[in-house]
């Protein structure tokens, strides 16, 4: 079964476009593959960040001033 693709117009900075074209040639991959992989990676990174935020949402808040005091006390600054 073939994967259905959606078409989109994306405008790249000329230098970035040239770089992508060169990478596509060197890796024997299409521009679409490179861009799709980069977008998937960025979205996966966002999902990891959101999971980390969820994990830490129940941690107590600390003010900036208190954090600086703690870092000084611990000898980190």
N, C-alpha and C. Protein backbone atom coordinates (compact mmCIF):
# COMPACT_ATOMS: atom_id res chain seq x y z
N UNK A 1 0.84 -1.18 0.00
CA UNK A 1 0.00 0.00 0.00
C UNK A 1 0.88 1.25 0.00
N UNK A 2 0.67 2.14 -0.91
CA UNK A 2 1.47 3.35 -1.03
C UNK A 2 1.05 4.38 0.02
N UNK A 3 2.03 5.11 0.52
CA UNK A 3 1.75 6.17 1.47
C UNK A 3 1.29 7.40 0.72
N UNK A 4 0.19 7.98 1.16
CA UNK A 4 -0.31 9.19 0.53
C UNK A 4 0.48 10.38 1.05
N UNK A 5 0.86 11.26 0.16
CA UNK A 5 1.62 12.44 0.54
C UNK A 5 0.82 13.68 0.24
N UNK A 6 1.04 14.72 1.01
CA UNK A 6 0.43 16.03 0.76
C UNK A 6 1.50 16.95 0.21
N UNK A 7 1.11 17.76 -0.71
CA UNK A 7 2.04 18.69 -1.34
C UNK A 7 1.96 20.04 -0.62
N UNK A 8 3.11 20.68 -0.43
CA UNK A 8 3.17 22.00 0.20
C UNK A 8 4.27 22.81 -0.47
N UNK A 9 4.08 24.09 -0.49
CA UNK A 9 5.11 24.98 -1.02
C UNK A 9 5.86 25.58 0.16
N UNK A 10 7.17 25.40 0.15
CA UNK A 10 8.02 25.90 1.22
C UNK A 10 9.08 26.79 0.59
N UNK A 11 9.29 27.95 1.16
CA UNK A 11 10.30 28.87 0.65
C UNK A 11 11.52 28.82 1.56
N UNK A 12 12.65 28.42 0.99
CA UNK A 12 13.90 28.32 1.72
C UNK A 12 14.80 29.50 1.41
N UNK A 13 15.62 29.85 2.39
CA UNK A 13 16.71 30.77 2.16
C UNK A 13 17.57 30.14 1.05
N UNK A 14 18.04 30.93 0.08
CA UNK A 14 18.80 30.35 -1.04
C UNK A 14 20.01 29.50 -0.63
N UNK A 15 20.74 29.93 0.38
CA UNK A 15 21.91 29.17 0.82
C UNK A 15 21.47 27.84 1.45
N UNK A 16 20.41 27.89 2.24
CA UNK A 16 19.88 26.67 2.85
C UNK A 16 19.38 25.71 1.77
N UNK A 17 18.72 26.23 0.77
CA UNK A 17 18.23 25.39 -0.33
C UNK A 17 19.38 24.72 -1.07
N UNK A 18 20.42 25.49 -1.35
CA UNK A 18 21.59 24.92 -2.03
C UNK A 18 22.22 23.82 -1.18
N UNK A 19 22.33 24.07 0.11
CA UNK A 19 22.90 23.09 1.03
C UNK A 19 22.06 21.82 1.05
N UNK A 20 20.75 21.97 1.11
CA UNK A 20 19.86 20.80 1.09
C UNK A 20 19.99 20.02 -0.21
N UNK A 21 20.08 20.73 -1.32
CA UNK A 21 20.24 20.04 -2.61
C UNK A 21 21.54 19.24 -2.63
N UNK A 22 22.62 19.83 -2.12
CA UNK A 22 23.91 19.13 -2.08
C UNK A 22 23.83 17.91 -1.18
N UNK A 23 23.19 18.06 -0.02
CA UNK A 23 23.06 16.92 0.89
C UNK A 23 22.20 15.84 0.26
N UNK A 24 21.16 16.21 -0.46
CA UNK A 24 20.31 15.24 -1.13
C UNK A 24 21.11 14.42 -2.14
N UNK A 25 21.95 15.09 -2.91
CA UNK A 25 22.77 14.40 -3.90
C UNK A 25 23.77 13.47 -3.20
N UNK A 26 24.43 13.99 -2.16
CA UNK A 26 25.46 13.20 -1.47
C UNK A 26 24.89 11.99 -0.73
N UNK A 27 23.64 12.09 -0.30
CA UNK A 27 23.04 11.00 0.48
C UNK A 27 22.07 10.16 -0.35
N UNK A 28 21.93 10.49 -1.63
CA UNK A 28 20.99 9.80 -2.53
C UNK A 28 19.58 9.79 -1.97
N UNK A 29 19.19 10.93 -1.41
CA UNK A 29 17.84 11.09 -0.87
C UNK A 29 17.22 12.32 -1.51
N UNK A 30 15.91 12.40 -1.46
CA UNK A 30 15.22 13.55 -2.02
C UNK A 30 15.14 14.68 -1.00
N UNK A 31 14.91 15.89 -1.51
CA UNK A 31 14.69 17.03 -0.62
C UNK A 31 13.51 16.75 0.30
N UNK A 32 12.47 16.15 -0.24
CA UNK A 32 11.29 15.83 0.57
C UNK A 32 11.65 14.90 1.73
N UNK A 33 12.46 13.90 1.47
CA UNK A 33 12.88 12.98 2.54
C UNK A 33 13.65 13.72 3.62
N UNK A 34 14.59 14.58 3.20
CA UNK A 34 15.38 15.33 4.16
C UNK A 34 14.51 16.24 5.02
N UNK A 35 13.59 16.95 4.38
CA UNK A 35 12.73 17.87 5.11
C UNK A 35 11.76 17.11 6.01
N UNK A 36 11.16 16.04 5.51
CA UNK A 36 10.26 15.23 6.34
C UNK A 36 10.97 14.69 7.57
N UNK A 37 12.19 14.18 7.40
CA UNK A 37 12.95 13.65 8.53
C UNK A 37 13.28 14.76 9.53
N UNK A 38 13.64 15.94 9.04
CA UNK A 38 13.96 17.05 9.94
C UNK A 38 12.73 17.50 10.72
N UNK A 39 11.59 17.54 10.07
CA UNK A 39 10.35 17.94 10.75
C UNK A 39 9.95 16.89 11.78
N UNK A 40 10.06 15.61 11.42
CA UNK A 40 9.76 14.54 12.38
C UNK A 40 10.65 14.63 13.60
N UNK A 41 11.93 14.89 13.37
CA UNK A 41 12.88 15.00 14.48
C UNK A 41 12.53 16.18 15.38
N UNK A 42 12.17 17.31 14.78
CA UNK A 42 11.80 18.49 15.56
C UNK A 42 10.54 18.23 16.38
N UNK A 43 9.55 17.56 15.77
CA UNK A 43 8.32 17.25 16.50
C UNK A 43 8.56 16.25 17.62
N UNK A 44 9.43 15.28 17.40
CA UNK A 44 9.77 14.30 18.44
C UNK A 44 10.47 15.01 19.61
N UNK A 45 11.33 15.95 19.29
CA UNK A 45 12.01 16.72 20.33
C UNK A 45 11.01 17.53 21.14
N UNK A 46 10.02 18.13 20.45
CA UNK A 46 8.97 18.86 21.15
C UNK A 46 8.18 17.94 22.07
N UNK A 47 7.89 16.72 21.61
CA UNK A 47 7.14 15.76 22.42
C UNK A 47 7.95 15.40 23.67
N UNK A 48 9.26 15.23 23.53
CA UNK A 48 10.12 14.94 24.68
C UNK A 48 10.10 16.10 25.66
N UNK A 49 10.18 17.33 25.14
CA UNK A 49 10.14 18.51 26.01
C UNK A 49 8.83 18.58 26.77
N UNK A 50 7.72 18.34 26.08
CA UNK A 50 6.41 18.38 26.74
C UNK A 50 6.29 17.31 27.82
N UNK A 51 6.83 16.13 27.56
CA UNK A 51 6.82 15.06 28.56
C UNK A 51 7.64 15.46 29.78
N UNK A 52 8.78 16.10 29.56
CA UNK A 52 9.62 16.56 30.67
C UNK A 52 8.89 17.63 31.48
N UNK A 53 8.20 18.53 30.80
CA UNK A 53 7.43 19.56 31.50
C UNK A 53 6.34 18.91 32.35
N UNK A 54 5.65 17.91 31.80
CA UNK A 54 4.61 17.21 32.55
C UNK A 54 5.19 16.54 33.80
N UNK A 55 6.34 15.89 33.64
CA UNK A 55 6.98 15.21 34.77
C UNK A 55 7.34 16.19 35.88
N UNK A 56 7.74 17.39 35.50
CA UNK A 56 8.20 18.36 36.49
C UNK A 56 7.11 19.31 36.96
N UNK A 57 5.90 19.18 36.43
CA UNK A 57 4.83 20.13 36.75
C UNK A 57 4.45 20.13 38.22
N UNK A 58 4.69 19.04 38.92
CA UNK A 58 4.32 18.95 40.33
C UNK A 58 5.45 19.38 41.27
N UNK A 59 6.60 19.73 40.72
CA UNK A 59 7.72 20.18 41.54
C UNK A 59 7.39 21.57 42.11
N UNK A 60 7.86 21.84 43.33
CA UNK A 60 7.59 23.16 43.90
C UNK A 60 8.35 24.25 43.12
N UNK A 61 7.73 25.41 43.05
CA UNK A 61 8.36 26.54 42.37
C UNK A 61 9.39 27.17 43.30
N UNK A 62 10.43 27.73 42.71
CA UNK A 62 11.47 28.42 43.48
C UNK A 62 11.75 29.74 42.78
N UNK A 63 11.89 30.79 43.57
CA UNK A 63 12.14 32.10 42.97
C UNK A 63 13.57 32.18 42.48
N UNK A 64 13.80 33.14 41.62
CA UNK A 64 15.15 33.36 41.10
C UNK A 64 16.12 33.68 42.24
N UNK A 65 15.70 34.56 43.14
CA UNK A 65 16.55 34.97 44.26
C UNK A 65 16.91 33.75 45.12
N UNK A 66 15.91 32.92 45.42
CA UNK A 66 16.19 31.73 46.23
C UNK A 66 17.12 30.76 45.50
N UNK A 67 16.97 30.66 44.19
CA UNK A 67 17.83 29.76 43.42
C UNK A 67 19.27 30.25 43.45
N UNK A 68 19.47 31.55 43.31
CA UNK A 68 20.81 32.11 43.36
C UNK A 68 21.43 31.86 44.74
N UNK A 69 20.64 32.06 45.80
CA UNK A 69 21.13 31.80 47.15
C UNK A 69 21.53 30.33 47.31
N UNK A 70 20.72 29.43 46.77
CA UNK A 70 21.03 28.00 46.86
C UNK A 70 22.31 27.67 46.12
N UNK A 71 22.49 28.25 44.93
CA UNK A 71 23.70 28.00 44.14
C UNK A 71 24.94 28.52 44.87
N UNK A 72 24.81 29.69 45.49
CA UNK A 72 25.93 30.24 46.26
C UNK A 72 26.25 29.34 47.44
N UNK A 73 25.23 28.91 48.16
CA UNK A 73 25.42 28.05 49.34
C UNK A 73 26.12 26.74 48.96
N UNK A 74 25.73 26.19 47.78
CA UNK A 74 26.32 24.94 47.32
C UNK A 74 27.70 25.12 46.68
N UNK A 75 28.14 26.39 46.56
CA UNK A 75 29.45 26.67 45.98
C UNK A 75 29.49 26.55 44.46
N UNK A 76 28.34 26.60 43.83
CA UNK A 76 28.29 26.49 42.36
C UNK A 76 28.53 27.82 41.67
N UNK A 77 28.27 28.91 42.39
CA UNK A 77 28.57 30.25 41.84
C UNK A 77 29.23 31.09 42.91
